[in-house]
Amino acid sequence: MRISDRVRLHLGQLVAPLTVRYGEGLRFAGTDLPRPTTHRVPTRRGRVRVFVYRPPVDPAAPDGPTGAYVHLHGGAFLMRHARMDDFWCRYVAATAGVTVVNVDFVVAPRASYPVAQEQCHDVAAWVASPAGAAALRVPVDPAAVAVGGLSSGGGLAASVCLQARDSGSFAPCLQVLGVPALDIAGEPDPHRPGMISPALRALVRRVYFPDVSTRAHPYASPLRATSVEGLPPAVVMTAERDTLRDEGDRYAARLRAAGIDVWHDTTPGVDHYFWTEDPARARATMARTAEEIRVRCRGGVEGADRPDVIHSEPPAPRSG
């Protein structure tokens, strides 16, 4: 790794809590929830800190089983700042009524592939296990655990679902992929410049995926998985002007072709920060996504009605 890359990453991670303001204008619900509790989860790559958000107590079932949503933040595998998505974790806990586990996985330069992928899988599998439920003191139903993330976190969520399917560790009830990075080995369309620049992509490859031979592995680049059969239902959110849009569009199409329920939504006219660029539309998109989490997780809880099918929808047409 270049010394300049290492210095740049360390400085960026130090100032992130002071400078990152993504989502501050999207605190639509959950602001009154208490501070998340902190736990350390054992994984094959060491103990990982998680922030746990509790939903409001359901008067009808104050001690009954609950669903859980495991969230993986963005930051291009370079920025370790799980609290940047505090707004979304609070929103999901408050509106979907599930326990939210926000994972503080390790990033570059401290780690390289596949450390974050394996940590995220192991945390999600732990949440779905009796040991996890006992440690969290929440009766989580193992059939009611959803996994999701934004940007690189969306790619991690897709990777977690592939790992879970292949290992049989647990069965996620939903995958939420927001503007996901799904093909580290591929080259983006040079005619669609955007926030995810060629320079940023090159930096990510150098510092987190330094071994070229691993970049096309399905757990690094889920779009390159040989098969998507057996994966959970999905919410796939893309942005019209985002460099990563094609990856999300193609993955949603593959899932749908495999008979998997998909809600695929494309926010028009925006780049990678698709929620903050259009907060009015973001309110509706966030509400629909939280409802999908609520319905899918509720369907896993013992004694609850099974959810309605999420109808597959095509992406919004491109402009121009």
Protein backbone atom coordinates (compact mmCIF):
# COMPACT_ATOMS: atom_id res chain seq x y z
CA MET A 1 0.00 0.00 0.00
CA ARG A 2 1.25 3.47 -0.83
CA ILE A 3 2.25 5.60 2.14
CA SER A 4 0.14 8.43 0.72
CA ASP A 5 -2.93 6.15 0.63
CA ARG A 6 -2.40 5.11 4.25
CA VAL A 7 -2.04 8.71 5.44
CA ARG A 8 -5.09 9.80 3.45
CA LEU A 9 -7.25 7.03 4.88
CA HIS A 10 -6.17 7.59 8.48
CA LEU A 11 -6.86 11.32 8.24
CA GLY A 12 -10.23 10.74 6.59
CA GLN A 13 -11.31 8.32 9.29
CA LEU A 14 -10.22 10.68 12.06
CA VAL A 15 -12.28 13.61 10.77
CA ALA A 16 -15.31 11.62 9.52
CA PRO A 17 -17.30 11.93 12.78
CA LEU A 18 -16.83 15.71 12.58
CA THR A 19 -17.41 16.25 8.87
CA VAL A 20 -19.88 13.63 7.61
CA ARG A 21 -23.38 15.08 7.65
CA TYR A 22 -25.13 12.69 5.28
CA GLY A 23 -28.67 12.05 6.47
CA GLU A 24 -29.02 14.93 8.92
CA GLY A 25 -31.97 16.22 6.88
CA LEU A 26 -33.59 12.77 6.76
CA ARG A 27 -34.46 12.33 10.44
CA PHE A 28 -38.15 11.74 9.81
CA ALA A 29 -38.80 9.25 12.63
CA GLY A 30 -37.13 7.65 15.61
CA THR A 31 -35.46 10.78 16.94
CA ASP A 32 -37.09 10.14 20.31
CA LEU A 33 -35.68 6.62 20.65
CA PRO A 34 -32.99 6.16 23.34
CA ARG A 35 -29.31 5.99 22.47
CA PRO A 36 -28.29 2.65 20.96
CA THR A 37 -26.59 0.16 23.24
CA THR A 38 -23.16 -1.17 22.33
CA HIS A 39 -22.20 -4.84 22.12
CA ARG A 40 -19.15 -6.71 20.88
CA VAL A 41 -19.89 -9.72 18.72
CA PRO A 42 -17.46 -12.64 18.23
CA THR A 43 -16.56 -13.37 14.60
CA ARG A 44 -13.86 -15.42 12.87
CA ARG A 45 -12.12 -12.06 12.27
CA GLY A 46 -12.18 -10.85 15.85
CA ARG A 47 -14.81 -9.14 17.97
CA VAL A 48 -16.91 -6.53 16.17
CA ARG A 49 -18.69 -3.61 17.80
CA VAL A 50 -22.38 -3.16 16.99
CA PHE A 51 -24.88 -0.46 17.92
CA VAL A 52 -28.32 -1.82 18.81
CA TYR A 53 -31.49 0.25 18.40
CA ARG A 54 -34.60 -0.94 20.19
CA PRO A 55 -38.03 -0.40 18.64
CA PRO A 56 -40.90 1.07 20.63
CA VAL A 57 -42.55 -1.56 22.81
CA ASP A 58 -45.57 -3.20 21.18
CA PRO A 59 -48.34 -3.10 23.82
CA ALA A 60 -49.98 -6.12 22.20
CA ALA A 61 -46.85 -8.27 22.59
CA PRO A 62 -44.37 -6.61 24.96
CA ASP A 63 -42.36 -9.81 25.49
CA GLY A 64 -43.03 -11.61 22.22
CA PRO A 65 -40.52 -12.53 19.51
CA THR A 66 -39.31 -9.75 17.23
CA GLY A 67 -37.64 -9.29 13.90
CA ALA A 68 -34.21 -7.74 13.39
CA TYR A 69 -32.55 -5.68 10.67
CA VAL A 70 -28.75 -5.89 10.40
CA HIS A 71 -27.42 -2.70 8.80
CA LEU A 72 -24.07 -2.23 7.02
CA HIS A 73 -22.93 1.34 6.43
CA GLY A 74 -21.30 2.78 3.34
CA GLY A 75 -17.95 4.47 2.95
CA ALA A 76 -16.28 2.55 0.10
CA PHE A 77 -14.57 0.08 2.49
CA LEU A 78 -12.43 3.10 3.49
CA MET A 79 -14.45 5.01 6.07
CA ARG A 80 -15.26 3.38 9.39
CA HIS A 81 -18.15 5.47 10.66
CA ALA A 82 -21.21 3.35 11.42
CA ARG A 83 -22.97 6.25 13.14
CA MET A 84 -23.27 8.06 9.80
CA ASP A 85 -26.42 5.97 9.26
CA ASP A 86 -27.91 6.66 12.70
CA PHE A 87 -30.83 8.44 10.99
CA TRP A 88 -31.74 5.31 9.00
CA CYS A 89 -31.31 2.90 11.90
CA ARG A 90 -33.62 5.01 14.05
CA TYR A 91 -36.12 5.29 11.21
CA VAL A 92 -36.26 1.52 10.66
CA ALA A 93 -36.54 0.74 14.37
CA ALA A 94 -39.36 3.24 14.81
CA THR A 95 -41.38 2.56 11.67
CA ALA A 96 -40.71 -1.14 10.99
CA GLY A 97 -40.85 -2.08 14.67
CA VAL A 98 -37.72 -4.27 14.55
CA THR A 99 -34.47 -4.35 16.47
CA VAL A 100 -31.73 -2.71 14.36
CA VAL A 101 -28.10 -3.86 14.64
CA ASN A 102 -25.68 -1.36 13.06
CA VAL A 103 -22.33 -3.07 12.40
CA ASP A 104 -19.01 -1.27 12.94
CA PHE A 105 -16.94 -3.58 10.71
CA VAL A 106 -13.24 -3.05 10.01
CA VAL A 107 -12.13 -1.23 6.85
CA ALA A 108 -8.90 -0.35 5.01
CA PRO A 109 -6.07 0.20 5.73
CA ARG A 110 -6.43 -1.95 8.84
CA ALA A 111 -7.99 -4.77 6.84
CA SER A 112 -8.44 -5.99 3.30
CA TYR A 113 -10.84 -8.38 1.57
CA PRO A 114 -12.47 -10.61 2.82
CA VAL A 115 -12.34 -9.32 6.42
CA ALA A 116 -15.36 -6.97 6.32
CA GLN A 117 -17.43 -9.47 4.31
CA GLU A 118 -16.78 -12.24 6.84
CA GLN A 119 -17.31 -10.00 9.87
CA CYS A 120 -20.66 -8.80 8.51
CA HIS A 121 -21.83 -12.34 7.75
CA ASP A 122 -20.81 -13.60 11.17
CA VAL A 123 -22.59 -10.74 12.95
CA ALA A 124 -25.80 -11.34 10.99
CA ALA A 125 -25.66 -15.09 11.65
CA TRP A 126 -25.04 -14.35 15.35
CA VAL A 127 -28.09 -12.08 15.50
CA ALA A 128 -30.17 -14.97 14.10
CA SER A 129 -28.77 -17.42 16.67
CA PRO A 130 -29.91 -18.22 20.23
CA ALA A 131 -26.59 -16.85 21.51
CA GLY A 132 -27.22 -13.52 19.81
CA ALA A 133 -30.77 -13.23 21.09
CA ALA A 134 -29.61 -14.02 24.60
CA ALA A 135 -26.77 -11.49 24.52
CA LEU A 136 -29.02 -8.77 23.11
CA ARG A 137 -31.77 -9.68 25.58
CA VAL A 138 -34.23 -9.53 22.70
CA PRO A 139 -36.27 -12.58 21.61
CA VAL A 140 -35.22 -12.39 17.94
CA ASP A 141 -36.92 -14.90 15.67
CA PRO A 142 -34.17 -16.46 13.47
CA ALA A 143 -36.59 -16.54 10.53
CA ALA A 144 -37.16 -12.79 10.83
CA VAL A 145 -33.69 -11.34 10.27
CA ALA A 146 -33.22 -8.94 7.35
CA VAL A 147 -29.86 -7.63 6.10
CA GLY A 148 -29.22 -4.36 4.29
CA GLY A 149 -26.84 -1.55 3.56
CA LEU A 150 -26.03 1.52 1.52
CA SER A 151 -23.34 1.86 -1.16
CA SER A 152 -20.46 -0.47 -0.23
CA GLY A 153 -22.74 -1.60 2.61
CA GLY A 154 -25.27 -2.68 -0.02
CA GLY A 155 -22.59 -4.81 -1.64
CA LEU A 156 -21.73 -6.25 1.76
CA ALA A 157 -25.39 -7.10 2.37
CA ALA A 158 -25.58 -8.96 -0.94
CA SER A 159 -22.37 -10.78 -0.01
CA VAL A 160 -23.79 -11.74 3.40
CA CYS A 161 -26.83 -13.29 1.74
CA LEU A 162 -24.65 -15.29 -0.67
CA GLN A 163 -22.46 -16.49 2.20
CA ALA A 164 -25.51 -17.44 4.26
CA ARG A 165 -27.01 -19.40 1.35
CA ASP A 166 -23.76 -21.21 0.59
CA SER A 167 -22.94 -22.09 4.20
CA GLY A 168 -26.48 -22.65 5.48
CA SER A 169 -25.67 -20.45 8.48
CA PHE A 170 -29.07 -18.69 8.53
CA ALA A 171 -31.79 -17.64 6.11
CA PRO A 172 -32.24 -13.86 5.75
CA CYS A 173 -35.87 -12.93 5.17
CA LEU A 174 -34.97 -9.84 3.08
CA GLN A 175 -31.97 -8.08 1.56
CA VAL A 176 -32.04 -4.28 1.27
CA LEU A 177 -29.52 -3.02 -1.29
CA GLY A 178 -29.26 0.78 -1.52
CA VAL A 179 -27.13 2.13 -4.41
CA PRO A 180 -25.04 -1.04 -4.00
CA ALA A 181 -21.46 -1.66 -5.15
CA LEU A 182 -21.78 -5.12 -6.67
CA ASP A 183 -18.93 -5.54 -9.16
CA ILE A 184 -15.48 -4.60 -7.89
CA ALA A 185 -13.84 -6.34 -10.84
CA GLY A 186 -15.83 -4.54 -13.52
CA GLU A 187 -15.26 -1.21 -15.19
CA PRO A 188 -18.01 1.43 -14.90
CA ASP A 189 -19.43 3.21 -17.90
CA PRO A 190 -16.91 5.99 -18.71
CA HIS A 191 -19.69 8.04 -20.27
CA ARG A 192 -21.52 8.33 -16.93
CA PRO A 193 -19.23 10.36 -14.68
CA GLY A 194 -20.48 10.72 -11.14
CA MET A 195 -19.63 10.87 -7.47
CA ILE A 196 -18.03 7.41 -7.61
CA SER A 197 -15.08 8.50 -9.72
CA PRO A 198 -12.46 6.32 -11.44
CA ALA A 199 -9.90 7.63 -8.95
CA LEU A 200 -12.01 6.54 -5.97
CA ARG A 201 -12.63 3.15 -7.50
CA ALA A 202 -8.89 2.71 -8.11
CA LEU A 203 -8.16 3.65 -4.48
CA VAL A 204 -10.68 1.10 -3.19
CA ARG A 205 -9.11 -1.60 -5.30
CA ARG A 206 -5.56 -0.74 -4.21
CA VAL A 207 -6.23 -0.64 -0.48
CA TYR A 208 -9.11 -3.03 0.21
CA PHE A 209 -8.90 -5.41 -2.77
CA PRO A 210 -5.13 -5.43 -3.43
CA ASP A 211 -5.16 -9.04 -4.67
CA VAL A 212 -6.49 -8.73 -8.22
CA SER A 213 -7.44 -12.41 -8.31
CA THR A 214 -10.04 -11.93 -5.54
CA ARG A 215 -11.95 -9.04 -7.07
CA ALA A 216 -14.20 -11.25 -9.20
CA HIS A 217 -15.07 -13.62 -6.34
CA PRO A 218 -18.85 -13.60 -5.72
CA TYR A 219 -18.44 -12.46 -2.12
CA ALA A 220 -16.45 -9.46 -3.37
CA SER A 221 -18.54 -8.87 -6.51
CA PRO A 222 -22.00 -10.42 -5.94
CA LEU A 223 -23.05 -9.55 -9.48
CA ARG A 224 -20.56 -12.18 -10.68
CA ALA A 225 -22.10 -15.02 -8.66
CA THR A 226 -22.69 -18.06 -10.84
CA SER A 227 -26.22 -18.41 -9.48
CA VAL A 228 -28.58 -16.24 -7.44
CA GLU A 229 -31.00 -19.10 -6.82
CA GLY A 230 -32.06 -19.45 -3.21
CA LEU A 231 -31.40 -15.84 -2.23
CA PRO A 232 -33.97 -13.90 -0.18
CA PRO A 233 -36.46 -11.32 -1.50
CA ALA A 234 -34.87 -7.98 -2.23
CA VAL A 235 -35.31 -4.24 -2.17
CA VAL A 236 -32.91 -2.71 -4.71
CA MET A 237 -32.62 1.08 -4.82
CA THR A 238 -30.61 2.77 -7.55
CA ALA A 239 -30.06 6.37 -8.66
CA GLU A 240 -30.41 7.55 -12.24
CA ARG A 241 -27.06 9.37 -12.52
CA ASP A 242 -25.06 7.07 -10.22
CA THR A 243 -21.98 5.38 -11.66
CA LEU A 244 -23.07 2.21 -9.85
CA ARG A 245 -26.58 2.19 -11.30
CA ASP A 246 -25.95 -0.52 -13.89
CA GLU A 247 -24.71 -2.90 -11.19
CA GLY A 248 -27.90 -2.51 -9.18
CA ASP A 249 -30.14 -2.70 -12.25
CA ARG A 250 -28.48 -5.88 -13.47
CA TYR A 251 -28.57 -7.57 -10.07
CA ALA A 252 -32.25 -6.77 -9.63
CA ALA A 253 -32.92 -8.23 -13.08
CA ARG A 254 -30.99 -11.41 -12.24
CA LEU A 255 -32.89 -11.87 -9.00
CA ARG A 256 -36.21 -11.33 -10.73
CA ALA A 257 -35.30 -13.77 -13.52
CA ALA A 258 -34.58 -16.37 -10.83
CA GLY A 259 -38.11 -15.98 -9.51
CA ILE A 260 -37.13 -13.94 -6.47
CA ASP A 261 -39.48 -11.20 -5.28
CA VAL A 262 -37.91 -7.80 -5.96
CA TRP A 263 -38.95 -4.21 -5.41
CA HIS A 264 -36.61 -2.18 -7.62
CA ASP A 265 -36.82 1.59 -7.39
CA THR A 266 -34.74 4.17 -9.26
CA THR A 267 -34.67 7.76 -8.01
CA PRO A 268 -34.65 10.02 -11.09
CA GLY A 269 -32.21 12.85 -11.67
CA VAL A 270 -29.82 12.15 -8.77
CA ASP A 271 -26.32 10.81 -8.18
CA HIS A 272 -25.04 8.41 -5.52
CA TYR A 273 -26.38 10.39 -2.53
CA PHE A 274 -29.85 9.62 -3.81
CA TRP A 275 -31.73 10.34 -0.57
CA THR A 276 -30.11 13.63 0.38
CA GLU A 277 -30.36 15.04 -3.15
CA ASP A 278 -34.15 14.65 -3.12
CA PRO A 279 -35.41 14.52 0.50
CA ALA A 280 -39.05 14.80 -0.53
CA ARG A 281 -38.87 11.64 -2.64
CA ALA A 282 -36.59 10.03 -0.07
CA ARG A 283 -39.36 10.21 2.50
CA ALA A 284 -41.58 7.99 0.31
CA THR A 285 -38.74 5.61 -0.62
CA MET A 286 -37.66 5.20 3.00
CA ALA A 287 -41.24 4.57 4.08
CA ARG A 288 -41.76 1.88 1.42
CA THR A 289 -38.46 0.21 2.30
CA ALA A 290 -39.23 0.21 6.03
CA GLU A 291 -42.63 -1.29 5.26
CA GLU A 292 -40.98 -4.10 3.28
CA ILE A 293 -38.74 -4.78 6.28
CA ARG A 294 -41.72 -4.74 8.64
CA VAL A 295 -43.81 -7.08 6.50
CA ARG A 296 -41.01 -9.56 5.78
CA CYS A 297 -39.81 -9.63 9.38
CA ARG A 298 -43.33 -9.88 10.73
CA GLY A 299 -43.86 -12.87 8.47
CA GLY A 300 -41.05 -14.70 10.24
CA VAL A 301 -42.30 -14.08 13.75
CA GLU A 302 -44.05 -17.08 15.25
CA GLY A 303 -47.81 -16.73 15.15
CA ALA A 304 -47.83 -13.76 12.76
CA ASP A 305 -49.51 -13.78 9.38
CA ARG A 306 -47.28 -14.46 6.42
CA PRO A 307 -46.50 -11.33 4.38
CA ASP A 308 -47.98 -10.51 1.04
CA VAL A 309 -45.70 -11.05 -1.93
CA ILE A 310 -43.53 -8.11 -2.94
CA HIS A 311 -44.45 -7.54 -6.56
CA SER A 312 -41.54 -7.29 -8.94
CA GLU A 313 -41.25 -3.90 -10.58
CA PRO A 314 -39.04 -2.77 -13.48
CA PRO A 315 -36.58 0.09 -12.99
CA ALA A 316 -37.61 3.62 -13.91
CA PRO A 317 -36.86 4.51 -17.52
CA ARG A 318 -33.64 6.37 -18.22
CA SER A 319 -33.89 9.98 -19.26
CA GLY A 320 -32.10 11.31 -22.26
